[in-house]
Amino acid sequence: MSKLVITLNRDMYIRYGARLAARFVFFRALVVDY
């Protein structure tokens, strides 16, 4: 049970981190473009 919760939390953190990284890269590209 606890292992499943840990896996779900890790998956959520990975998705959230990926979204933040994508947004950061996107804004960085916009800044560099101008």
PDB file of N, CA and C in Angstrom:
ATOM      1  N   MET A   1       0.838  -1.203   0.000  1.00  0.00           N
ATOM      2  CA  MET A   1       0.000   0.000   0.000  1.00  0.00           C
ATOM      3  C   MET A   1       0.874   1.254   0.000  1.00  0.00           C
ATOM      4  N   SER A   2       1.793   1.334   0.952  1.00  0.00           N
ATOM      5  CA  SER A   2       2.653   2.517   1.038  1.00  0.00           C
ATOM      6  C   SER A   2       3.535   2.637  -0.202  1.00  0.00           C
ATOM      7  N   LYS A   3       3.937   1.481  -0.744  1.00  0.00           N
ATOM      8  CA  LYS A   3       4.785   1.509  -1.936  1.00  0.00           C
ATOM      9  C   LYS A   3       4.018   2.122  -3.110  1.00  0.00           C
ATOM     10  N   LEU A   4       2.739   1.786  -3.213  1.00  0.00           N
ATOM     11  CA  LEU A   4       1.912   2.321  -4.292  1.00  0.00           C
ATOM     12  C   LEU A   4       1.786   3.837  -4.161  1.00  0.00           C
ATOM     13  N   VAL A   5       1.584   4.305  -2.935  1.00  0.00           N
ATOM     14  CA  VAL A   5       1.471   5.747  -2.700  1.00  0.00           C
ATOM     15  C   VAL A   5       2.765   6.445  -3.081  1.00  0.00           C
ATOM     16  N   ILE A   6       3.901   5.849  -2.723  1.00  0.00           N
ATOM     17  CA  ILE A   6       5.200   6.450  -3.051  1.00  0.00           C
ATOM     18  C   ILE A   6       5.364   6.526  -4.570  1.00  0.00           C
ATOM     19  N   THR A   7       4.954   5.471  -5.265  1.00  0.00           N
ATOM     20  CA  THR A   7       5.074   5.460  -6.725  1.00  0.00           C
ATOM     21  C   THR A   7       4.205   6.551  -7.342  1.00  0.00           C
ATOM     22  N   LEU A   8       2.971   6.686  -6.840  1.00  0.00           N
ATOM     23  CA  LEU A   8       2.074   7.717  -7.366  1.00  0.00           C
ATOM     24  C   LEU A   8       2.647   9.107  -7.112  1.00  0.00           C
ATOM     25  N   ASN A   9       3.160   9.323  -5.923  1.00  0.00           N
ATOM     26  CA  ASN A   9       3.746  10.623  -5.600  1.00  0.00           C
ATOM     27  C   ASN A   9       4.921  10.918  -6.513  1.00  0.00           C
ATOM     28  N   ARG A  10       5.770   9.908  -6.745  1.00  0.00           N
ATOM     29  CA  ARG A  10       6.939  10.125  -7.599  1.00  0.00           C
ATOM     30  C   ARG A  10       6.493  10.463  -9.020  1.00  0.00           C
ATOM     31  N   ASP A  11       5.484   9.761  -9.510  1.00  0.00           N
ATOM     32  CA  ASP A  11       4.986  10.028 -10.861  1.00  0.00           C
ATOM     33  C   ASP A  11       4.454  11.456 -10.956  1.00  0.00           C
ATOM     34  N   MET A  12       3.726  11.888  -9.922  1.00  0.00           N
ATOM     35  CA  MET A  12       3.171  13.237  -9.923  1.00  0.00           C
ATOM     36  C   MET A  12       4.295  14.273  -9.902  1.00  0.00           C
ATOM     37  N   TYR A  13       5.305  14.024  -9.069  1.00  0.00           N
ATOM     38  CA  TYR A  13       6.427  14.969  -8.995  1.00  0.00           C
ATOM     39  C   TYR A  13       7.176  15.032 -10.321  1.00  0.00           C
ATOM     40  N   ILE A  14       7.327  13.882 -10.982  1.00  0.00           N
ATOM     41  CA  ILE A  14       8.038  13.855 -12.271  1.00  0.00           C
ATOM     42  C   ILE A  14       7.258  14.660 -13.312  1.00  0.00           C
ATOM     43  N   ARG A  15       5.937  14.465 -13.348  1.00  0.00           N
ATOM     44  CA  ARG A  15       5.121  15.217 -14.317  1.00  0.00           C
ATOM     45  C   ARG A  15       5.186  16.711 -14.027  1.00  0.00           C
ATOM     46  N   TYR A  16       5.071  17.065 -12.735  1.00  0.00           N
ATOM     47  CA  TYR A  16       5.107  18.476 -12.367  1.00  0.00           C
ATOM     48  C   TYR A  16       6.453  19.092 -12.715  1.00  0.00           C
ATOM     49  N   GLY A  17       7.531  18.354 -12.429  1.00  0.00           N
ATOM     50  CA  GLY A  17       8.879  18.831 -12.743  1.00  0.00           C
ATOM     51  C   GLY A  17       9.077  18.991 -14.246  1.00  0.00           C
ATOM     52  N   ALA A  18       8.552  18.037 -15.002  1.00  0.00           N
ATOM     53  CA  ALA A  18       8.686  18.110 -16.461  1.00  0.00           C
ATOM     54  C   ALA A  18       7.954  19.332 -16.997  1.00  0.00           C
ATOM     55  N   ARG A  19       6.766  19.604 -16.433  1.00  0.00           N
ATOM     56  CA  ARG A  19       5.995  20.771 -16.875  1.00  0.00           C
ATOM     57  C   ARG A  19       6.738  22.063 -16.557  1.00  0.00           C
ATOM     58  N   LEU A  20       7.318  22.132 -15.342  1.00  0.00           N
ATOM     59  CA  LEU A  20       8.068  23.327 -14.960  1.00  0.00           C
ATOM     60  C   LEU A  20       9.281  23.496 -15.869  1.00  0.00           C
ATOM     61  N   ALA A  21       9.982  22.399 -16.142  1.00  0.00           N
ATOM     62  CA  ALA A  21      11.173  22.458 -16.993  1.00  0.00           C
ATOM     63  C   ALA A  21      10.792  22.919 -18.407  1.00  0.00           C
ATOM     64  N   ALA A  22       9.688  22.385 -18.932  1.00  0.00           N
ATOM     65  CA  ALA A  22       9.250  22.768 -20.280  1.00  0.00           C
ATOM     66  C   ALA A  22       8.922  24.256 -20.327  1.00  0.00           C
ATOM     67  N   ARG A  23       8.224  24.728 -19.287  1.00  0.00           N
ATOM     68  CA  ARG A  23       7.865  26.155 -19.238  1.00  0.00           C
ATOM     69  C   ARG A  23       9.113  27.014 -19.148  1.00  0.00           C
ATOM     70  N   PHE A  24      10.078  26.580 -18.311  1.00  0.00           N
ATOM     71  CA  PHE A  24      11.312  27.342 -18.155  1.00  0.00           C
ATOM     72  C   PHE A  24      12.069  27.407 -19.475  1.00  0.00           C
ATOM     73  N   VAL A  25      12.172  26.268 -20.164  1.00  0.00           N
ATOM     74  CA  VAL A  25      12.879  26.233 -21.453  1.00  0.00           C
ATOM     75  C   VAL A  25      12.156  27.110 -22.472  1.00  0.00           C
ATOM     76  N   PHE A  26      10.812  27.078 -22.447  1.00  0.00           N
ATOM     77  CA  PHE A  26      10.030  27.870 -23.396  1.00  0.00           C
ATOM     78  C   PHE A  26      10.280  29.366 -23.192  1.00  0.00           C
ATOM     79  N   PHE A  27      10.205  29.812 -21.936  1.00  0.00           N
ATOM     80  CA  PHE A  27      10.443  31.234 -21.652  1.00  0.00           C
ATOM     81  C   PHE A  27      11.879  31.610 -21.982  1.00  0.00           C
ATOM     82  N   ARG A  28      12.810  30.708 -21.704  1.00  0.00           N
ATOM     83  CA  ARG A  28      14.226  30.960 -22.001  1.00  0.00           C
ATOM     84  C   ARG A  28      14.407  31.154 -23.511  1.00  0.00           C
ATOM     85  N   ALA A  29      13.715  30.316 -24.293  1.00  0.00           N
ATOM     86  CA  ALA A  29      13.806  30.428 -25.754  1.00  0.00           C
ATOM     87  C   ALA A  29      13.221  31.764 -26.211  1.00  0.00           C
ATOM     88  N   LEU A  30      12.117  32.179 -25.613  1.00  0.00           N
ATOM     89  CA  LEU A  30      11.507  33.465 -25.983  1.00  0.00           C
ATOM     90  C   LEU A  30      12.470  34.614 -25.697  1.00  0.00           C
ATOM     91  N   VAL A  31      13.091  34.585 -24.522  1.00  0.00           N
ATOM     92  CA  VAL A  31      14.031  35.651 -24.142  1.00  0.00           C
ATOM     93  C   VAL A  31      15.224  35.673 -25.094  1.00  0.00           C
ATOM     94  N   VAL A  32      15.743  34.492 -25.409  1.00  0.00           N
ATOM     95  CA  VAL A  32      16.914  34.425 -26.297  1.00  0.00           C
ATOM     96  C   VAL A  32      16.527  34.865 -27.709  1.00  0.00           C
ATOM     97  N   ASP A  33      15.285  34.585 -28.116  1.00  0.00           N
ATOM     98  CA  ASP A  33      14.843  34.915 -29.461  1.00  0.00           C
ATOM     99  C   ASP A  33      14.851  36.426 -29.676  1.00  0.00           C
ATOM    100  N   TYR A  34      14.440  37.181 -28.669  1.00  0.00           N
ATOM    101  CA  TYR A  34      14.381  38.637 -28.828  1.00  0.00           C
ATOM    102  C   TYR A  34      15.721  39.307 -28.625  1.00  0.00           C
TER     103      TYR A  34
END
